[in-house]
Every structure is written in structure tokens, then in C-alpha cells.
Protein backbone atom coordinates (compact mmCIF):
# COMPACT_ATOMS: atom_id res chain seq x y z
CA UNK A 1 -1.30 -12.41 -76.82
CA UNK A 2 -2.18 -11.09 -73.40
CA UNK A 3 -0.01 -8.34 -71.87
CA UNK A 4 0.21 -9.40 -68.25
CA UNK A 5 1.93 -6.27 -67.34
CA UNK A 6 -1.06 -4.15 -68.35
CA UNK A 7 -3.21 -2.52 -65.53
CA UNK A 8 -6.21 -4.54 -66.69
CA UNK A 9 -4.34 -7.84 -66.60
CA UNK A 10 -2.86 -6.96 -63.17
CA UNK A 11 -6.31 -6.19 -61.91
CA UNK A 12 -7.63 -9.61 -63.00
CA UNK A 13 -4.74 -11.37 -61.37
CA UNK A 14 -5.21 -9.57 -58.10
CA UNK A 15 -8.96 -10.34 -58.33
CA UNK A 16 -8.18 -14.12 -58.81
CA UNK A 17 -5.81 -14.02 -55.87
CA UNK A 18 -8.48 -12.44 -53.62
CA UNK A 19 -11.06 -15.00 -54.77
CA UNK A 20 -8.88 -17.81 -53.50
CA UNK A 21 -9.68 -16.29 -50.01
CA UNK A 22 -6.62 -17.54 -48.32
CA UNK A 23 -6.96 -17.54 -44.51
CA UNK A 24 -4.41 -18.71 -41.84
CA UNK A 25 -4.84 -20.59 -38.66
CA UNK A 26 -2.12 -21.25 -36.08
CA UNK A 27 -1.12 -24.92 -35.62
CA UNK A 28 1.48 -26.49 -33.30
CA UNK A 29 3.79 -26.85 -36.12
CA UNK A 30 3.44 -23.32 -37.51
CA UNK A 31 1.01 -21.74 -40.06
CA UNK A 32 -1.28 -23.76 -42.16
CA UNK A 33 -3.05 -22.29 -45.18
CA UNK A 34 -6.69 -22.91 -45.82
CA UNK A 35 -8.28 -22.40 -49.25
CA UNK A 36 -11.95 -21.53 -49.19
CA UNK A 37 -13.95 -23.98 -51.32
CA UNK A 38 -14.93 -22.69 -54.74
CA UNK A 39 -18.39 -21.42 -54.93
CA UNK A 40 -18.78 -20.56 -51.19
CA UNK A 41 -18.86 -16.76 -51.80
CA UNK A 42 -17.11 -14.07 -49.90
CA UNK A 43 -16.16 -14.72 -46.31
CA UNK A 44 -17.70 -11.38 -45.18
CA UNK A 45 -20.84 -10.14 -46.83
CA UNK A 46 -21.43 -6.49 -47.75
CA UNK A 47 -24.02 -6.30 -45.09
CA UNK A 48 -21.70 -7.56 -42.51
CA UNK A 49 -19.00 -5.23 -43.55
CA UNK A 50 -21.33 -2.19 -43.19
CA UNK A 51 -22.11 -3.19 -39.57
CA UNK A 52 -20.48 -1.10 -36.81
CA UNK A 53 -17.71 -3.00 -35.14
CA UNK A 54 -18.57 -4.48 -31.70
CA UNK A 55 -17.27 -2.47 -28.68
CA UNK A 56 -13.57 -2.94 -28.49
CA UNK A 57 -12.91 -4.58 -31.81
CA UNK A 58 -11.11 -2.89 -34.65
CA UNK A 59 -13.41 -1.12 -37.09
CA UNK A 60 -12.59 -0.89 -40.78
CA UNK A 61 -11.76 2.70 -40.20
CA UNK A 62 -11.91 5.23 -37.29
CA UNK A 63 -12.99 8.07 -39.62
CA UNK A 64 -16.76 7.83 -39.06
CA UNK A 65 -16.26 7.67 -35.26
CA UNK A 66 -13.78 10.59 -35.38
CA UNK A 67 -16.20 12.62 -37.41
CA UNK A 68 -19.03 12.03 -35.13
CA UNK A 69 -17.41 12.86 -31.87
CA UNK A 70 -14.94 15.78 -32.81
CA UNK A 71 -17.53 18.40 -32.61
CA UNK A 72 -18.03 17.53 -28.97
CA UNK A 73 -14.31 17.98 -28.19
CA UNK A 74 -13.08 21.52 -27.29
CA UNK A 75 -9.96 23.50 -27.01
CA UNK A 76 -9.40 25.36 -23.69
CA UNK A 77 -7.17 28.45 -23.36
CA UNK A 78 -6.49 29.85 -19.91
CA UNK A 79 -4.86 33.03 -18.74
CA UNK A 80 -2.93 32.99 -15.44
CA UNK A 81 -1.17 35.54 -13.39
CA UNK A 82 2.40 34.36 -12.79
CA UNK A 83 4.77 36.07 -10.30
CA UNK A 84 8.10 37.03 -11.87
CA UNK A 85 11.23 35.53 -10.17
CA UNK A 86 12.80 37.89 -7.72
CA UNK A 87 10.03 40.31 -7.79
CA UNK A 88 9.56 40.25 -3.98
CA UNK A 89 13.30 40.66 -3.31
CA UNK A 90 13.54 44.45 -2.58
CA UNK A 91 17.12 45.53 -2.58
CA UNK A 92 18.10 46.71 1.03
CA UNK A 93 19.10 50.13 -0.13
CA UNK A 94 15.52 50.89 -1.28
CA UNK A 95 13.78 49.73 1.92
CA UNK A 96 12.26 52.50 3.80
CA UNK A 97 12.73 54.93 1.06
CA UNK A 98 10.07 56.47 -1.35
CA UNK A 99 11.23 54.04 -4.02
CA UNK A 100 10.16 50.97 -2.03
CA UNK A 101 6.47 51.34 -3.11
CA UNK A 102 7.60 51.92 -6.66
CA UNK A 103 9.65 48.79 -6.66
CA UNK A 104 6.68 46.75 -5.12
CA UNK A 105 4.37 47.96 -7.99
CA UNK A 106 6.68 47.65 -10.83
CA UNK A 107 9.25 45.16 -9.74
CA UNK A 108 12.21 47.55 -10.10
CA UNK A 109 14.84 46.68 -12.65
CA UNK A 110 13.71 42.90 -12.71
CA UNK A 111 10.37 43.90 -14.35
CA UNK A 112 6.82 43.73 -12.91
CA UNK A 113 5.89 41.55 -9.95
CA UNK A 114 3.49 39.58 -12.00
CA UNK A 115 2.96 38.63 -15.53
CA UNK A 116 0.18 37.09 -17.60
CA UNK A 117 0.78 33.63 -18.94
CA UNK A 118 -1.31 31.38 -21.15
CA UNK A 119 -1.91 27.64 -21.12
CA UNK A 120 -3.79 25.26 -23.38
CA UNK A 121 -5.72 22.10 -22.71
CA UNK A 122 -8.70 20.02 -23.95
CA UNK A 123 -12.20 19.28 -22.77
CA UNK A 124 -15.52 17.80 -23.94
CA UNK A 125 -19.24 18.72 -23.90
CA UNK A 126 -21.40 16.56 -21.66
CA UNK A 127 -24.49 18.69 -21.99
CA UNK A 128 -26.04 20.51 -24.99
CA UNK A 129 -26.56 23.43 -22.58
CA UNK A 130 -22.80 24.03 -22.49
CA UNK A 131 -21.36 21.98 -19.64
CA UNK A 132 -17.83 20.87 -20.31
CA UNK A 133 -15.47 18.45 -18.51
CA UNK A 134 -11.63 18.98 -18.26
CA UNK A 135 -8.73 18.59 -15.77
CA UNK A 136 -8.50 20.66 -12.66
CA UNK A 137 -4.83 21.22 -13.50
CA UNK A 138 -5.80 22.87 -16.83
CA UNK A 139 -8.15 25.53 -15.25
CA UNK A 140 -7.35 25.46 -11.48
CA UNK A 141 -5.29 28.65 -11.28
CA UNK A 142 -6.74 30.56 -14.29
CA UNK A 143 -8.10 34.08 -14.09
CA UNK A 144 -9.71 33.85 -17.42
CA UNK A 145 -11.00 30.70 -19.38
CA UNK A 146 -11.94 30.59 -23.05
CA UNK A 147 -13.52 27.60 -24.78
CA UNK A 148 -12.86 27.23 -28.56
CA UNK A 149 -15.38 24.98 -30.31
CA UNK A 150 -14.60 22.89 -33.36
CA UNK A 151 -16.80 25.26 -35.37
CA UNK A 152 -14.39 28.12 -34.59
CA UNK A 153 -16.70 29.81 -32.12
CA UNK A 154 -15.17 31.05 -28.85
CA UNK A 155 -17.00 31.52 -25.52
CA UNK A 156 -15.78 32.79 -22.06
CA UNK A 157 -16.24 29.83 -19.62
CA UNK A 158 -17.19 29.90 -15.93
CA UNK A 159 -15.67 27.44 -13.46
CA UNK A 160 -18.61 25.57 -12.01
CA UNK A 161 -16.41 23.52 -9.60
CA UNK A 162 -13.31 21.46 -9.42
CA UNK A 163 -11.91 18.54 -7.47
CA UNK A 164 -8.25 18.35 -6.86
CA UNK A 165 -8.23 14.64 -5.61
CA UNK A 166 -9.41 13.41 -8.96
CA UNK A 167 -8.02 16.23 -11.01
CA UNK A 168 -11.38 17.05 -12.65
CA UNK A 169 -13.20 20.30 -13.22
CA UNK A 170 -16.59 21.34 -14.77
CA UNK A 171 -17.09 24.48 -16.89
CA UNK A 172 -20.03 26.21 -18.26
CA UNK A 173 -20.36 28.35 -21.39
CA UNK A 174 -23.52 30.08 -22.71
CA UNK A 175 -23.72 28.86 -26.45
CA UNK A 176 -25.91 30.57 -29.04
CA UNK A 177 -27.61 27.21 -29.80
CA UNK A 178 -27.59 23.67 -28.23
CA UNK A 179 -24.20 21.80 -28.63
CA UNK A 180 -23.35 18.27 -29.54
CA UNK A 181 -22.61 16.32 -26.34
CA UNK A 182 -21.06 12.95 -25.83
CA UNK A 183 -22.09 10.43 -23.09
CA UNK A 184 -20.05 8.36 -20.65
CA UNK A 185 -19.69 4.59 -21.14
CA UNK A 186 -19.17 1.86 -18.65
CA UNK A 187 -15.45 1.68 -18.44
CA UNK A 188 -15.74 -1.64 -16.65
CA UNK A 189 -17.08 -3.16 -19.79
CA UNK A 190 -13.89 -2.37 -21.83
CA UNK A 191 -11.13 -4.88 -21.49
CA UNK A 192 -7.31 -4.69 -21.69
CA UNK A 193 -6.42 -4.94 -25.41
CA UNK A 194 -9.62 -3.32 -26.64
CA UNK A 195 -9.25 -0.45 -29.08
CA UNK A 196 -9.53 3.18 -27.75
CA UNK A 197 -9.44 6.55 -29.44
CA UNK A 198 -8.15 9.77 -27.89
CA UNK A 199 -9.08 13.22 -29.19
CA UNK A 200 -7.63 16.53 -27.99
CA UNK A 201 -5.54 19.51 -28.50
CA UNK A 202 -1.84 18.44 -28.32
CA UNK A 203 0.57 21.41 -28.39
CA UNK A 204 -2.31 23.69 -29.38
CA UNK A 205 -2.61 22.09 -32.84
CA UNK A 206 -6.42 21.73 -32.54
CA UNK A 207 -8.63 18.64 -32.79
CA UNK A 208 -6.21 15.70 -33.11
CA UNK A 209 -7.19 11.97 -33.25
CA UNK A 210 -4.90 9.28 -31.88
CA UNK A 211 -5.59 5.50 -31.71
CA UNK A 212 -4.30 2.74 -29.36
CA UNK A 213 -5.46 0.01 -26.99
CA UNK A 214 -6.34 -0.01 -23.28
CA UNK A 215 -3.00 -1.14 -21.91
CA UNK A 216 -3.81 -1.62 -18.25
CA UNK A 217 -6.30 -0.52 -15.62
CA UNK A 218 -6.20 0.12 -11.92
CA UNK A 219 -2.87 2.07 -12.11
CA UNK A 220 -1.77 3.93 -8.96
CA UNK A 221 0.43 6.97 -9.83
CA UNK A 222 0.78 8.03 -6.26
CA UNK A 223 -1.09 11.26 -6.87
CA UNK A 224 -3.78 10.67 -4.31
CA UNK A 225 -5.89 8.05 -2.39
CA UNK A 226 -8.31 7.70 -5.29
CA UNK A 227 -5.88 6.79 -8.11
CA UNK A 228 -7.46 4.12 -10.31
CA UNK A 229 -6.16 5.27 -13.72
CA UNK A 230 -6.65 3.58 -17.13
CA UNK A 231 -3.44 3.21 -19.01
CA UNK A 232 -3.61 3.68 -22.71
CA UNK A 233 -1.00 3.57 -25.59
CA UNK A 234 -3.05 5.97 -27.89
CA UNK A 235 -0.51 8.85 -28.12
CA UNK A 236 -1.30 11.88 -25.90
CA UNK A 237 0.96 14.88 -25.35
CA UNK A 238 0.98 18.21 -23.66
CA UNK A 239 -2.40 19.90 -24.36
CA UNK A 240 -4.32 16.57 -24.44
CA UNK A 241 -5.05 17.07 -20.72
CA UNK A 242 -8.77 17.14 -20.18
CA UNK A 243 -9.67 15.47 -23.41
CA UNK A 244 -11.67 12.26 -23.82
CA UNK A 245 -10.76 8.68 -24.57
CA UNK A 246 -13.45 6.96 -26.45
CA UNK A 247 -14.42 3.26 -26.98
CA UNK A 248 -15.24 2.20 -30.49
CA UNK A 249 -18.92 3.09 -29.90
CA UNK A 250 -18.05 6.64 -29.27
CA UNK A 251 -18.69 6.58 -25.58
CA UNK A 252 -16.27 8.43 -23.14
CA UNK A 253 -14.44 5.85 -21.02
CA UNK A 254 -11.92 8.28 -19.48
CA UNK A 255 -10.39 11.73 -19.16
CA UNK A 256 -6.76 12.01 -20.40
CA UNK A 257 -4.84 13.27 -17.39
CA UNK A 258 -1.14 12.36 -17.47
CA UNK A 259 1.70 10.72 -19.29
CA UNK A 260 4.94 9.03 -18.47
CA UNK A 261 7.70 10.51 -20.52
CA UNK A 262 11.56 10.77 -20.20
CA UNK A 263 11.57 13.54 -22.80
CA UNK A 264 8.21 15.44 -22.48
CA UNK A 265 6.68 13.69 -25.47
CA UNK A 266 4.53 10.77 -25.83
CA UNK A 267 6.12 7.28 -25.48
CA UNK A 268 2.90 5.41 -25.59
CA UNK A 269 2.15 5.38 -21.78
CA UNK A 270 -0.77 7.62 -21.02
CA UNK A 271 -3.39 7.70 -18.22
CA UNK A 272 -7.02 8.59 -18.06
CA UNK A 273 -9.38 8.97 -15.07
CA UNK A 274 -12.03 6.23 -15.71
CA UNK A 275 -15.71 7.10 -16.35
CA UNK A 276 -16.70 5.25 -13.17
CA UNK A 277 -14.78 7.86 -11.28
CA UNK A 278 -15.56 10.84 -13.38
CA UNK A 279 -19.41 10.51 -13.47
CA UNK A 280 -20.19 10.87 -9.78
CA UNK A 281 -17.55 13.66 -9.42
CA UNK A 282 -19.02 15.61 -12.27
CA UNK A 283 -22.65 15.19 -10.90
CA UNK A 284 -21.60 16.60 -7.59
CA UNK A 285 -19.86 19.50 -9.13
CA UNK A 286 -22.73 20.30 -11.27
CA UNK A 287 -25.18 20.15 -8.26
CA UNK A 288 -23.07 21.53 -5.46
CA UNK A 289 -19.96 23.16 -7.07
CA UNK A 290 -17.68 20.83 -4.89
CA UNK A 291 -17.33 17.21 -4.01
CA UNK A 292 -18.42 16.01 -0.57
CA UNK A 293 -17.05 12.61 0.30
CA UNK A 294 -18.17 10.26 2.94
CA UNK A 295 -15.84 9.63 5.86
CA UNK A 296 -14.90 6.63 7.94
CA UNK A 297 -12.04 7.93 10.12
CA UNK A 298 -9.30 5.46 10.11
CA UNK A 299 -5.60 5.16 9.23
CA UNK A 300 -4.61 2.04 7.36
CA UNK A 301 -2.07 0.08 5.60
CA UNK A 302 -1.79 -2.94 3.30
CA UNK A 303 -1.77 -6.59 4.54
CA UNK A 304 1.53 -8.27 3.66
CA UNK A 305 2.17 -11.93 3.69
CA UNK A 306 4.05 -11.67 6.86
CA UNK A 307 1.22 -9.64 8.53
CA UNK A 308 -1.26 -12.22 7.24
CA UNK A 309 0.45 -14.86 9.23
CA UNK A 310 0.69 -12.58 12.33
CA UNK A 311 -2.93 -11.53 12.10
CA UNK A 312 -4.35 -14.85 10.92
CA UNK A 313 -6.49 -13.18 8.21
CA UNK A 314 -6.45 -16.16 5.91
CA UNK A 315 -5.41 -14.06 2.85
CA UNK A 316 -2.86 -11.26 2.24
CA UNK A 317 -5.80 -8.97 1.26
CA UNK A 318 -7.71 -6.16 2.97
CA UNK A 319 -7.17 -2.79 4.59
CA UNK A 320 -5.28 -3.18 7.97
CA UNK A 321 -6.60 -0.47 10.52
CA UNK A 322 -3.77 1.16 12.30
CA UNK A 323 -5.55 3.97 14.04
CA UNK A 324 -9.09 5.06 14.69
CA UNK A 325 -9.90 8.72 15.01
CA UNK A 326 -11.79 9.64 18.19
CA UNK A 327 -15.35 10.47 17.57
CA UNK A 328 -15.22 9.12 14.11
CA UNK A 329 -17.84 6.96 12.42
CA UNK A 330 -15.28 4.09 12.67
CA UNK A 331 -15.00 4.42 16.41
CA UNK A 332 -18.81 4.55 16.88
CA UNK A 333 -19.04 1.37 14.93
CA UNK A 334 -16.57 -0.39 17.08
CA UNK A 335 -13.61 -0.63 14.64
CA UNK A 336 -10.27 -1.04 16.36
CA UNK A 337 -6.55 -0.93 15.48
CA UNK A 338 -5.68 -4.41 14.11
CA UNK A 339 -8.96 -5.04 12.41
CA UNK A 340 -8.64 -6.02 8.66
CA UNK A 341 -11.50 -4.51 6.58
CA UNK A 342 -12.29 -7.11 3.84
CA UNK A 343 -15.68 -5.65 2.44
CA UNK A 344 -17.84 -2.50 2.59
CA UNK A 345 -21.38 -3.34 1.55
CA UNK A 346 -21.08 -5.22 -1.74
CA UNK A 347 -17.68 -3.90 -2.51
CA UNK A 348 -14.62 -6.33 -1.79
CA UNK A 349 -11.62 -4.54 -0.24
CA UNK A 350 -8.26 -5.82 -1.42
CA UNK A 351 -6.10 -3.03 -0.18
CA UNK A 352 -6.29 0.53 1.46
CA UNK A 353 -7.09 2.16 -1.90
CA UNK A 354 -10.08 0.03 -2.31
CA UNK A 355 -11.37 1.07 1.11
CA UNK A 356 -10.66 4.78 0.41
CA UNK A 357 -12.56 4.74 -2.83
CA UNK A 358 -15.41 2.55 -1.48
CA UNK A 359 -15.82 5.09 1.46
CA UNK A 360 -15.59 8.11 -0.84
CA UNK A 361 -18.33 6.78 -3.19
CA UNK A 362 -20.58 6.16 -0.19
CA UNK A 363 -23.34 8.34 1.05
CA UNK A 364 -22.81 10.26 4.18
CA UNK A 365 -25.31 9.46 6.90
CA UNK A 366 -26.27 6.00 5.33
CA UNK A 367 -25.75 2.88 7.21
CA UNK A 368 -23.34 0.38 5.59
CA UNK A 369 -22.16 -3.10 6.46
CA UNK A 370 -18.38 -3.36 7.06
CA UNK A 371 -16.85 -6.86 7.13
CA UNK A 372 -13.61 -7.36 9.19
CA UNK A 373 -11.20 -10.02 10.40
CA UNK A 374 -10.46 -9.52 14.06
CA UNK A 375 -8.07 -11.93 15.90
CA UNK A 376 -8.48 -14.46 13.11
CA UNK A 377 -12.28 -14.32 13.08
CA UNK A 378 -14.70 -12.82 10.50
CA UNK A 379 -17.13 -10.27 11.94
CA UNK A 380 -19.62 -7.78 10.48
CA UNK A 381 -20.31 -4.22 11.87
CA UNK A 382 -22.67 -1.62 10.90
CA UNK A 383 -21.19 1.86 10.29
CA UNK A 384 -22.89 5.14 9.51
CA UNK A 385 -20.55 7.08 7.31
CA UNK A 386 -19.98 10.67 8.16
CA UNK A 387 -19.02 13.69 6.00
CA UNK A 388 -15.40 14.62 5.40
CA UNK A 389 -15.40 18.32 6.11
CA UNK A 390 -11.56 18.64 5.87
CA UNK A 391 -8.73 16.79 4.36
CA UNK A 392 -8.84 14.92 7.12
CA UNK A 393 15.82 7.96 20.17
CA UNK A 394 17.30 5.63 22.76
CA UNK A 395 17.32 6.28 26.45
CA UNK A 396 19.76 5.25 29.06
CA UNK A 397 17.37 3.91 31.76
CA UNK A 398 17.75 1.18 34.38
CA UNK A 399 14.69 -0.42 32.92
CA UNK A 400 16.39 -0.90 29.56
CA UNK A 401 15.94 -4.65 28.54
CA UNK A 402 16.84 -6.85 25.66
CA UNK A 403 14.50 -9.35 24.08
CA UNK A 404 15.91 -12.89 23.45
CA UNK A 405 18.46 -13.14 20.72
CA UNK A 406 16.04 -14.57 18.14
CA UNK A 407 14.05 -11.24 18.18
CA UNK A 408 16.98 -8.81 18.62
CA UNK A 409 15.28 -5.82 20.25
CA UNK A 410 16.69 -3.55 23.00
CA UNK A 411 13.84 -1.50 24.57
CA UNK A 412 13.61 1.65 26.78
CA UNK A 413 10.88 3.28 28.75
CA UNK A 414 8.88 6.12 27.43
CA UNK A 415 9.89 8.53 30.13
CA UNK A 416 9.25 12.43 29.93
CA UNK A 417 12.78 12.97 28.44
CA UNK A 418 12.11 10.58 25.55
CA UNK A 419 8.66 11.95 24.98
CA UNK A 420 10.19 15.45 24.65
CA UNK A 421 12.88 14.33 22.19
CA UNK A 422 10.49 12.38 20.18
CA UNK A 423 7.51 14.73 20.36
CA UNK A 424 5.10 12.02 21.84
CA UNK A 425 2.01 13.01 23.67
CA UNK A 426 1.64 12.18 27.29
CA UNK A 427 -1.31 9.75 26.73
CA UNK A 428 0.69 7.45 24.33
CA UNK A 429 1.94 4.29 26.26
CA UNK A 430 4.58 1.90 25.02
CA UNK A 431 8.26 1.17 24.88
CA UNK A 432 10.96 2.85 22.64
CA UNK A 433 13.12 0.71 20.39
CA UNK A 434 16.65 1.58 21.51
CA UNK A 435 18.67 -0.88 19.37
CA UNK A 436 17.98 -3.41 16.63
CA UNK A 437 20.34 -6.29 16.30
CA UNK A 438 21.37 -6.65 12.60
CA UNK A 439 21.04 -10.45 12.70
CA UNK A 440 17.74 -10.66 14.64
CA UNK A 441 14.19 -11.18 13.50
CA UNK A 442 13.23 -7.59 14.31
CA UNK A 443 15.76 -6.21 11.69
CA UNK A 444 13.83 -8.04 9.01
CA UNK A 445 10.58 -6.11 9.85
CA UNK A 446 12.13 -2.72 9.26
CA UNK A 447 11.76 -1.60 12.93
CA UNK A 448 14.41 0.98 13.76
CA UNK A 449 15.64 2.97 16.80
CA UNK A 450 13.06 5.60 17.87
CA UNK A 451 10.04 3.50 17.00
CA UNK A 452 7.55 3.19 19.84
CA UNK A 453 5.86 -0.26 20.27
CA UNK A 454 2.38 0.19 21.62
CA UNK A 455 0.77 -3.14 20.98
CA UNK A 456 1.99 -6.81 20.58
CA UNK A 457 -0.35 -9.33 19.07
CA UNK A 458 -3.36 -7.05 19.79
CA UNK A 459 -2.40 -6.51 23.47
CA UNK A 460 -1.50 -2.99 24.49
CA UNK A 461 1.76 -2.56 26.12
CA UNK A 462 3.10 0.28 28.40
CA UNK A 463 6.70 -0.66 29.18
CA UNK A 464 9.58 -2.72 27.91
CA UNK A 465 8.73 -5.42 30.36
CA UNK A 466 5.23 -5.73 28.97
CA UNK A 467 6.54 -5.81 25.38
CA UNK A 468 8.88 -8.73 26.20
CA UNK A 469 6.18 -10.62 28.13
CA UNK A 470 3.81 -10.17 25.28
CA UNK A 471 6.38 -11.53 22.77
CA UNK A 472 7.06 -14.53 24.94
CA UNK A 473 3.34 -15.27 25.26
CA UNK A 474 2.94 -15.08 21.44
CA UNK A 475 5.98 -17.47 21.09
CA UNK A 476 4.66 -19.89 23.50
CA UNK A 477 1.43 -20.17 21.45
CA UNK A 478 3.63 -21.41 18.60
CA UNK A 479 2.67 -18.60 16.27
CA UNK A 480 4.84 -18.03 13.04
CA UNK A 481 4.67 -14.26 13.57
CA UNK A 482 3.01 -11.62 15.74
CA UNK A 483 1.85 -8.11 14.79
CA UNK A 484 3.40 -5.13 16.49
CA UNK A 485 1.67 -1.71 16.35
CA UNK A 486 4.54 0.79 16.05
CA UNK A 487 4.39 4.54 16.21
CA UNK A 488 6.92 6.19 13.97
CA UNK A 489 7.03 10.03 13.69
CA UNK A 490 3.52 10.17 15.08
CA UNK A 491 2.06 7.79 12.48
CA UNK A 492 0.97 4.26 13.64
CA UNK A 493 1.48 1.27 11.38
CA UNK A 494 1.74 -2.51 11.87
CA UNK A 495 4.75 -4.73 11.35
CA UNK A 496 4.99 -8.44 11.42
CA UNK A 497 7.64 -9.86 13.85
CA UNK A 498 8.74 -13.44 12.94
CA UNK A 499 8.79 -15.77 15.86
CA UNK A 500 10.12 -18.78 14.12
CA UNK A 501 13.81 -17.95 13.83
CA UNK A 502 16.28 -19.80 16.06
């Protein structure tokens, strides 16, 4: 009699079950089972099982990948000088006495004026000679930087350069022998849902591997004009900043930078600067110690559906130019407020962020073709990008008028008193919004008292009378909406005023 409970018997039973090679396929009515015909052999051969997983697909294990890349990931320790709270608050009774200098130096009863603090982060080696990428916020205010290799070796690091706008920094150490480096991959090749692996130094624990998928791309966190983050759900925590995110081929697709967390820990929403942004920044930091971006010289805003109708752009896409800086490349190229930029060279422009990134990645001094929509017609201009050297009320007047009830605007002239109250330069022309009827079309646009209307439908206006005349002309043309250029607290932007309301 066979003992079916014995280990040998249980093993035979398991082998027989596996030999049945049951697989599932989804049908409209649910799950249907399929039995592989006898004698067909294994579904996956030993040779196929030994092959590396294609990019983005789940490998049998991440162990080989982790073992291969971990020597290239480093732990970064920084020392910072932090000012003690209240250190500068010298008691009045000590001011002007011999004890004042003593208090300034030692901080009096509250302790010293400054104290040394330490912070931890991550980084990764991109050159065997000792170049290391990390986040700017990891090393930006450090007075001392130490890099700890996975081998246990420690080296003082020099800050080669940093870029606040992308939160990236480049370090250099002098190793005793060449180091193992990793390379960047094309993050544009990885798709949402593909597997990724993050390696770093969470909470100072040392080399830690976490796995997840690419959750989304193109995330804007509001940290700057070049936001274009990858979102991943591989857990990252405090200390992971500056560490790499890998694809399943071991290529760096991003630099871990931020998390969204209600409690300070990982909740599966992390963000990485994509490799396409990292590579050119690191190249410039290595060559120049800083990042020099090209410059166009415009202020801009998105094209809403309402503005699309008013500007007759065809699609609610592009970057709407609201102001052109005098003497800028944009002015020399002939760009005007009201133009909608739709392409820069080969790069399509869907919104102002696209244009900011396209210009920043351009080459200063090089001619570029910029495609625009002006007054409903597509045009092409040539622009020679420059170098961005720096981070670039109602009045009671007799002329006050009200627009027709369907618009719901009360306007006042821009006289010297109004200019002084609103801080508006003398060369600005237009009409002040004195009142906005709550049931009029203007209220729907977000226009508010104190705004200065300087253009209507692309026509410059200098008084309430001219504003109303321009609105009536646009209405007579049977347009659905017209674009108003409004100056609010010194910043110009467009709003779409509906003309179809009764």
C-alpha cells in the first residue's frame, strides 16, 4: 500500500499536477481552463527561463539585478551648520555692554549661535573616475560631504555643481581604484505599468532595494517650470533622495527626489527626475559647474477651451504669450502678446511647461523655428535663442462707463491717482475694472475690480470707451468669445470673455 501522506508521495502528486500544465485565459463568461496536450513538453524551456526578461517585464527574481547595480549606489552623509533658535535675539539689558560680544559668540544662556547638523541621502556613480549624481537638496547647504561606498570605503566629496531648478547635483571623489558605474537608459522607452527597482539609503539603513511599477509620467509638482516627474510605487522614504530608479535591464531611468506622504513614510507615491532631464544637466555640471539655459523672453499661460474659441486656435493646446520682454529673442523674432506657440523646432508645445522645457533644452545662439497661431492663422517665425543670465481699485471719474448688461463690466480711466494706488507704470495704457456684475459674462471669466484691460481681441485699448467699442466690434462679428489681455498686480494674462450670452 502506498502512503499518500509521505514526502515522496506528495512530491509525485505535485509533479503530476505541474505536468498537467494548467493555464488560464479570460473569456466573456469568466475563466476557462486549458490542459496542455500530453507529450507537448514544458511550456517554458530551460533556455527560455535563463534568458533575461525584456525591458519592463517581470523577471523571475530581482536578485541578479540588485547584486549587479548595488555597488554603484552610494550613501551620502553631509554636515551642515544650523543656526540655533533665538541665537540672534540679544537681551536688551546686554546691548552696549561688554557682554554683548560674548553673547554674539556663544549665544548666551540659549547656547551657541550655530550648531552642526547631519543629514543622509543617496547617490549613484556615473563614471569610474568617481563622479556621483545626487539631489541638490541632499548636498546644497552642506559644509562637508562624505560618500560611503557599498564596500565600506569612505571618501570626502567635492561639489562639482548643482542645479536648483531640477534639484540635481554632481559630486566628485578620488577613489583608490576605478569604481563600478551605471549608465542612463532612455526613460521614454519605459511605459506606465513597467517594472522598476529603486535602490537607496532609507533612514540611513544602507543599501536597500524596493520594487514597483512606473505609475505615471509627466507629473507636475509645482516645484518649478521644468517639472516632468516620473511617478513610481516602489517604496522610497527619507534618505532615498538622490538614489536611482532602474529598469529591469539595470539602466537608470530616474533620480528619486520626492514622495507624497500624509505621515512622513512611503505610501506608494514617489517621484523621480527622468533620465532625459538628468543627462543634459549632469553633462553641463561636469563641463561648466553650472547649467546655462537658453532664453526666449516671454510670459505665457495655458490655452483654455474658452480662450481657444476667443483666439480661434483650433485646439485648446499651446502656450499663449501674455507678454514679450523688450530686447528679448522673442521680441526680435516678432512674437507678440496673443500669439499661441504650438511647436519649437521638432518639439510640439501642448502647454507653457512644454515651451519652458523646450527652450531650456535648446542651444543659446542657435536659430530655431517657432510655429504660432496668430489671429486664427498658423505662422512660422525664426528665433535665435539667447542665454538666460538670471532668473529671469475703482475710480470715481466722469468717464466711468458700463458695458452692456450681457457683459457686466463697469470701467474707469487709468488716471494718475489710479496709477499711484495700483502701482502701474505711466507707459501702461488701458481701463480699470471698477465693478463686475455677478450675473454678467465678465464674472464667469474671473475678472475682478482692480484689473486693467489693455487689449480686446488683439486690439490695444487706452480708455473705457475704447474697451467698450472693441467689445461691440467683436460682438458684431458674431464671435462666441473674445480675448482680453488683463494686467493684474503687474502680471499680464489673457481671459476669454463670452459674447454669446443674452
